[in-house]
């Protein structure tokens, strides 16, 4: 059986807090994203509980009539519970040392396991065409699961939104970017 998972990094938001809303541009992006997604068959939507993720997919959910399932495991990774002046340097290192764990944070390996469990459950479900809405760091770590060459540079190059497609057929997995920074409409 073939299954498809479309992975979405949320649209442009006003901040990083869980309740940060989309910007006006982000709201427009979500409408354009809805049009893009209407070209794909979808039978299940799973989203991070963060407001910016839900608002990214809410219009498509309303138009398609597919309810949004909230899964806290799709929340953005916490690098550290303490403010860090060198957080980008530490984040870059966390893509090399997957077990690097800062105070109050989550290692890359732990985050990969967390989002991997969501994907495994989606694949085990009866749904064949699934949308997953999450955040940049967590998305790039999931992509690293399928391509070990993905690292800090890929995370830094992600756009808001960014859309990837995973196609599963038996033991084969194909990963491709279907929308992102080089697409002018978003």
C-alpha atoms as a PDB file:
ATOM      1  CA  UNK A   1       0.000   0.000   0.000  1.00  0.00           C
ATOM      2  CA  UNK A   2       1.234   3.495  -0.815  1.00  0.00           C
ATOM      3  CA  UNK A   3       0.891   6.318   1.702  1.00  0.00           C
ATOM      4  CA  UNK A   4       1.689   9.975   1.422  1.00  0.00           C
ATOM      5  CA  UNK A   5       2.496  12.406   4.217  1.00  0.00           C
ATOM      6  CA  UNK A   6       2.716  16.111   3.484  1.00  0.00           C
ATOM      7  CA  UNK A   7       4.877  17.876   6.062  1.00  0.00           C
ATOM      8  CA  UNK A   8       4.248  21.576   6.602  1.00  0.00           C
ATOM      9  CA  UNK A   9       6.227  24.167   8.509  1.00  0.00           C
ATOM     10  CA  UNK A  10       3.782  26.817   9.709  1.00  0.00           C
ATOM     11  CA  UNK A  11       3.248  30.145   7.956  1.00  0.00           C
ATOM     12  CA  UNK A  12       4.907  33.385   9.047  1.00  0.00           C
ATOM     13  CA  UNK A  13       4.122  34.210  12.694  1.00  0.00           C
ATOM     14  CA  UNK A  14       4.560  37.178  15.021  1.00  0.00           C
ATOM     15  CA  UNK A  15       6.766  35.270  17.462  1.00  0.00           C
ATOM     16  CA  UNK A  16       7.925  31.957  18.871  1.00  0.00           C
ATOM     17  CA  UNK A  17       5.586  31.641  21.854  1.00  0.00           C
ATOM     18  CA  UNK A  18       2.927  28.921  21.693  1.00  0.00           C
ATOM     19  CA  UNK A  19       0.142  31.535  21.323  1.00  0.00           C
ATOM     20  CA  UNK A  20       1.897  33.731  18.733  1.00  0.00           C
ATOM     21  CA  UNK A  21      -0.546  34.513  15.901  1.00  0.00           C
ATOM     22  CA  UNK A  22       0.209  34.572  12.208  1.00  0.00           C
ATOM     23  CA  UNK A  23       1.253  37.883  10.706  1.00  0.00           C
ATOM     24  CA  UNK A  24      -1.001  39.433   8.056  1.00  0.00           C
ATOM     25  CA  UNK A  25       1.414  37.954   5.489  1.00  0.00           C
ATOM     26  CA  UNK A  26       1.159  34.602   7.279  1.00  0.00           C
ATOM     27  CA  UNK A  27      -2.642  34.728   7.012  1.00  0.00           C
ATOM     28  CA  UNK A  28      -2.337  35.330   3.266  1.00  0.00           C
ATOM     29  CA  UNK A  29       0.186  32.484   3.027  1.00  0.00           C
ATOM     30  CA  UNK A  30      -2.292  30.133   4.720  1.00  0.00           C
ATOM     31  CA  UNK A  31      -4.927  30.975   2.075  1.00  0.00           C
ATOM     32  CA  UNK A  32      -2.449  30.292  -0.738  1.00  0.00           C
ATOM     33  CA  UNK A  33      -1.313  27.114   1.003  1.00  0.00           C
ATOM     34  CA  UNK A  34      -4.938  25.980   1.149  1.00  0.00           C
ATOM     35  CA  UNK A  35      -5.152  26.370  -2.647  1.00  0.00           C
ATOM     36  CA  UNK A  36      -1.943  24.367  -3.097  1.00  0.00           C
ATOM     37  CA  UNK A  37      -3.211  21.615  -0.808  1.00  0.00           C
ATOM     38  CA  UNK A  38      -6.538  21.433  -2.648  1.00  0.00           C
ATOM     39  CA  UNK A  39      -4.567  19.840  -5.505  1.00  0.00           C
ATOM     40  CA  UNK A  40      -3.658  16.913  -3.215  1.00  0.00           C
ATOM     41  CA  UNK A  41      -5.828  14.177  -1.812  1.00  0.00           C
ATOM     42  CA  UNK A  42      -6.005  14.493   1.985  1.00  0.00           C
ATOM     43  CA  UNK A  43      -7.908  12.363   4.473  1.00  0.00           C
ATOM     44  CA  UNK A  44      -6.272  13.325   7.777  1.00  0.00           C
ATOM     45  CA  UNK A  45      -4.745  16.481   9.314  1.00  0.00           C
ATOM     46  CA  UNK A  46      -2.502  16.400  12.380  1.00  0.00           C
ATOM     47  CA  UNK A  47      -1.136  19.640  13.854  1.00  0.00           C
ATOM     48  CA  UNK A  48       1.033  21.012  16.595  1.00  0.00           C
ATOM     49  CA  UNK A  49      -1.076  22.648  19.329  1.00  0.00           C
ATOM     50  CA  UNK A  50       0.730  25.975  18.781  1.00  0.00           C
ATOM     51  CA  UNK A  51      -1.593  28.687  17.459  1.00  0.00           C
ATOM     52  CA  UNK A  52       0.585  29.459  14.419  1.00  0.00           C
ATOM     53  CA  UNK A  53       0.450  25.823  13.280  1.00  0.00           C
ATOM     54  CA  UNK A  54      -3.316  25.525  13.726  1.00  0.00           C
ATOM     55  CA  UNK A  55      -3.958  28.833  11.952  1.00  0.00           C
ATOM     56  CA  UNK A  56      -1.717  27.687   9.080  1.00  0.00           C
ATOM     57  CA  UNK A  57      -4.015  24.774   8.270  1.00  0.00           C
ATOM     58  CA  UNK A  58      -7.356  26.029   9.616  1.00  0.00           C
ATOM     59  CA  UNK A  59      -8.616  27.461   6.304  1.00  0.00           C
ATOM     60  CA  UNK A  60      -7.837  24.224   4.458  1.00  0.00           C
ATOM     61  CA  UNK A  61      -9.544  22.267   7.243  1.00  0.00           C
ATOM     62  CA  UNK A  62     -12.681  24.402   6.939  1.00  0.00           C
ATOM     63  CA  UNK A  63     -12.809  24.164   3.140  1.00  0.00           C
ATOM     64  CA  UNK A  64     -12.086  20.423   3.013  1.00  0.00           C
ATOM     65  CA  UNK A  65     -14.267  19.501   5.994  1.00  0.00           C
ATOM     66  CA  UNK A  66     -11.395  17.533   7.564  1.00  0.00           C
ATOM     67  CA  UNK A  67     -10.988  18.061  11.299  1.00  0.00           C
ATOM     68  CA  UNK A  68      -7.605  19.033  12.701  1.00  0.00           C
ATOM     69  CA  UNK A  69      -6.235  16.482  15.148  1.00  0.00           C
ATOM     70  CA  UNK A  70      -3.976  18.164  17.708  1.00  0.00           C
ATOM     71  CA  UNK A  71      -0.863  16.272  18.784  1.00  0.00           C
ATOM     72  CA  UNK A  72       1.430  17.864  21.375  1.00  0.00           C
ATOM     73  CA  UNK A  73       4.328  15.763  20.073  1.00  0.00           C
ATOM     74  CA  UNK A  74       4.402  18.127  17.078  1.00  0.00           C
ATOM     75  CA  UNK A  75       5.243  21.115  19.319  1.00  0.00           C
ATOM     76  CA  UNK A  76       8.514  22.838  18.543  1.00  0.00           C
ATOM     77  CA  UNK A  77      11.642  21.424  20.123  1.00  0.00           C
ATOM     78  CA  UNK A  78      12.958  23.247  23.173  1.00  0.00           C
ATOM     79  CA  UNK A  79      16.713  23.618  22.875  1.00  0.00           C
ATOM     80  CA  UNK A  80      17.084  24.938  26.432  1.00  0.00           C
ATOM     81  CA  UNK A  81      14.872  26.326  29.177  1.00  0.00           C
ATOM     82  CA  UNK A  82      17.483  29.053  29.805  1.00  0.00           C
ATOM     83  CA  UNK A  83      18.014  32.053  27.520  1.00  0.00           C
ATOM     84  CA  UNK A  84      21.093  31.492  25.341  1.00  0.00           C
ATOM     85  CA  UNK A  85      23.098  34.187  23.560  1.00  0.00           C
ATOM     86  CA  UNK A  86      24.790  31.545  21.378  1.00  0.00           C
ATOM     87  CA  UNK A  87      21.686  29.473  20.686  1.00  0.00           C
ATOM     88  CA  UNK A  88      22.306  29.244  16.923  1.00  0.00           C
ATOM     89  CA  UNK A  89      25.819  27.863  17.494  1.00  0.00           C
ATOM     90  CA  UNK A  90      24.414  25.313  19.944  1.00  0.00           C
ATOM     91  CA  UNK A  91      21.582  24.435  17.588  1.00  0.00           C
ATOM     92  CA  UNK A  92      24.082  23.857  14.781  1.00  0.00           C
ATOM     93  CA  UNK A  93      26.111  21.577  17.054  1.00  0.00           C
ATOM     94  CA  UNK A  94      22.942  19.659  18.002  1.00  0.00           C
ATOM     95  CA  UNK A  95      22.602  18.523  14.373  1.00  0.00           C
ATOM     96  CA  UNK A  96      26.071  16.953  14.633  1.00  0.00           C
ATOM     97  CA  UNK A  97      25.848  15.626  18.196  1.00  0.00           C
ATOM     98  CA  UNK A  98      22.327  14.221  18.264  1.00  0.00           C
ATOM     99  CA  UNK A  99      22.634  13.502  21.992  1.00  0.00           C
ATOM    100  CA  UNK A 100      23.592  17.057  22.990  1.00  0.00           C
ATOM    101  CA  UNK A 101      21.104  18.050  25.662  1.00  0.00           C
ATOM    102  CA  UNK A 102      21.075  21.469  27.266  1.00  0.00           C
ATOM    103  CA  UNK A 103      19.465  22.411  30.571  1.00  0.00           C
ATOM    104  CA  UNK A 104      15.709  21.933  30.366  1.00  0.00           C
ATOM    105  CA  UNK A 105      15.959  21.071  26.677  1.00  0.00           C
ATOM    106  CA  UNK A 106      15.534  18.124  24.402  1.00  0.00           C
ATOM    107  CA  UNK A 107      18.288  16.447  22.404  1.00  0.00           C
ATOM    108  CA  UNK A 108      17.933  16.106  18.648  1.00  0.00           C
ATOM    109  CA  UNK A 109      17.635  12.349  19.032  1.00  0.00           C
ATOM    110  CA  UNK A 110      14.779  12.730  21.547  1.00  0.00           C
ATOM    111  CA  UNK A 111      12.971  15.181  19.237  1.00  0.00           C
ATOM    112  CA  UNK A 112      13.471  12.857  16.259  1.00  0.00           C
ATOM    113  CA  UNK A 113      12.021   9.979  18.253  1.00  0.00           C
ATOM    114  CA  UNK A 114       9.033  12.118  19.288  1.00  0.00           C
ATOM    115  CA  UNK A 115       8.069  13.233  15.774  1.00  0.00           C
ATOM    116  CA  UNK A 116       8.978   9.802  14.398  1.00  0.00           C
ATOM    117  CA  UNK A 117       6.337   8.263  16.668  1.00  0.00           C
ATOM    118  CA  UNK A 118       3.702  10.588  15.179  1.00  0.00           C
ATOM    119  CA  UNK A 119       4.717   9.569  11.661  1.00  0.00           C
ATOM    120  CA  UNK A 120       4.761   5.858  12.575  1.00  0.00           C
ATOM    121  CA  UNK A 121       1.239   6.118  14.007  1.00  0.00           C
ATOM    122  CA  UNK A 122       0.039   8.001  10.919  1.00  0.00           C
ATOM    123  CA  UNK A 123       1.482   5.280   8.703  1.00  0.00           C
ATOM    124  CA  UNK A 124      -0.198   2.581  10.794  1.00  0.00           C
ATOM    125  CA  UNK A 125      -3.583   4.344  10.532  1.00  0.00           C
ATOM    126  CA  UNK A 126      -6.184   3.677   7.855  1.00  0.00           C
ATOM    127  CA  UNK A 127      -5.468   7.089   6.326  1.00  0.00           C
ATOM    128  CA  UNK A 128      -3.431   7.158   3.124  1.00  0.00           C
ATOM    129  CA  UNK A 129      -2.979  10.920   2.576  1.00  0.00           C
ATOM    130  CA  UNK A 130      -1.972  12.775   5.724  1.00  0.00           C
ATOM    131  CA  UNK A 131      -1.012  16.387   6.449  1.00  0.00           C
ATOM    132  CA  UNK A 132       1.318  17.067   9.379  1.00  0.00           C
ATOM    133  CA  UNK A 133       1.794  20.690  10.507  1.00  0.00           C
ATOM    134  CA  UNK A 134       4.752  21.453  12.744  1.00  0.00           C
ATOM    135  CA  UNK A 135       7.736  23.770  13.253  1.00  0.00           C
ATOM    136  CA  UNK A 136      11.090  24.348  11.583  1.00  0.00           C
ATOM    137  CA  UNK A 137      13.504  22.644  13.961  1.00  0.00           C
ATOM    138  CA  UNK A 138      11.310  19.606  14.458  1.00  0.00           C
ATOM    139  CA  UNK A 139      10.611  19.358  10.714  1.00  0.00           C
ATOM    140  CA  UNK A 140      14.317  19.538   9.823  1.00  0.00           C
ATOM    141  CA  UNK A 141      15.070  16.808  12.372  1.00  0.00           C
ATOM    142  CA  UNK A 142      12.385  14.599  10.817  1.00  0.00           C
ATOM    143  CA  UNK A 143      13.883  15.221   7.381  1.00  0.00           C
ATOM    144  CA  UNK A 144      17.281  14.224   8.832  1.00  0.00           C
ATOM    145  CA  UNK A 145      15.723  10.845   9.675  1.00  0.00           C
ATOM    146  CA  UNK A 146      15.368  10.222   5.928  1.00  0.00           C
ATOM    147  CA  UNK A 147      18.507  12.043   4.779  1.00  0.00           C
ATOM    148  CA  UNK A 148      21.407  12.176   7.221  1.00  0.00           C
ATOM    149  CA  UNK A 149      23.002  15.010   5.222  1.00  0.00           C
ATOM    150  CA  UNK A 150      20.268  17.369   6.414  1.00  0.00           C
ATOM    151  CA  UNK A 151      21.489  19.620   9.176  1.00  0.00           C
ATOM    152  CA  UNK A 152      21.647  23.162  10.450  1.00  0.00           C
ATOM    153  CA  UNK A 153      21.922  24.629   6.937  1.00  0.00           C
ATOM    154  CA  UNK A 154      18.640  22.984   5.884  1.00  0.00           C
ATOM    155  CA  UNK A 155      16.936  24.307   9.027  1.00  0.00           C
ATOM    156  CA  UNK A 156      18.270  27.787   8.353  1.00  0.00           C
ATOM    157  CA  UNK A 157      17.082  27.589   4.730  1.00  0.00           C
ATOM    158  CA  UNK A 158      13.495  26.634   5.565  1.00  0.00           C
ATOM    159  CA  UNK A 159      10.842  29.201   4.764  1.00  0.00           C
ATOM    160  CA  UNK A 160       7.501  29.970   6.348  1.00  0.00           C
ATOM    161  CA  UNK A 161       5.661  27.984   5.141  1.00  0.00           C
ATOM    162  CA  UNK A 162       7.693  25.128   3.760  1.00  0.00           C
ATOM    163  CA  UNK A 163       6.140  21.940   2.421  1.00  0.00           C
ATOM    164  CA  UNK A 164       7.664  18.499   1.900  1.00  0.00           C
ATOM    165  CA  UNK A 165       6.137  15.268   0.685  1.00  0.00           C
ATOM    166  CA  UNK A 166       7.028  11.818   1.984  1.00  0.00           C
ATOM    167  CA  UNK A 167       5.807   8.939  -0.142  1.00  0.00           C
ATOM    168  CA  UNK A 168       5.889   5.458   1.353  1.00  0.00           C
ATOM    169  CA  UNK A 169       5.531   2.411  -0.821  1.00  0.00           C
ATOM    170  CA  UNK A 170       6.399  -0.863   0.860  1.00  0.00           C
ATOM    171  CA  UNK A 171       9.959  -0.377   2.179  1.00  0.00           C
ATOM    172  CA  UNK A 172      10.740   2.616  -0.058  1.00  0.00           C
ATOM    173  CA  UNK A 173      10.501   6.233   1.060  1.00  0.00           C
ATOM    174  CA  UNK A 174      10.776   9.208  -1.283  1.00  0.00           C
ATOM    175  CA  UNK A 175      11.240  12.713   0.068  1.00  0.00           C
ATOM    176  CA  UNK A 176      10.784  15.861  -1.992  1.00  0.00           C
ATOM    177  CA  UNK A 177      10.170  19.525  -1.366  1.00  0.00           C
ATOM    178  CA  UNK A 178       6.938  20.658  -3.016  1.00  0.00           C
ATOM    179  CA  UNK A 179       6.764  24.264  -1.816  1.00  0.00           C
ATOM    180  CA  UNK A 180       9.120  26.709  -0.177  1.00  0.00           C
ATOM    181  CA  UNK A 181      11.237  29.824  -0.364  1.00  0.00           C
ATOM    182  CA  UNK A 182      11.724  29.792  -4.135  1.00  0.00           C
ATOM    183  CA  UNK A 183       7.987  29.756  -4.816  1.00  0.00           C
ATOM    184  CA  UNK A 184       6.992  33.388  -5.256  1.00  0.00           C
ATOM    185  CA  UNK A 185       3.317  32.997  -4.466  1.00  0.00           C
ATOM    186  CA  UNK A 186       4.051  32.102  -0.855  1.00  0.00           C
END
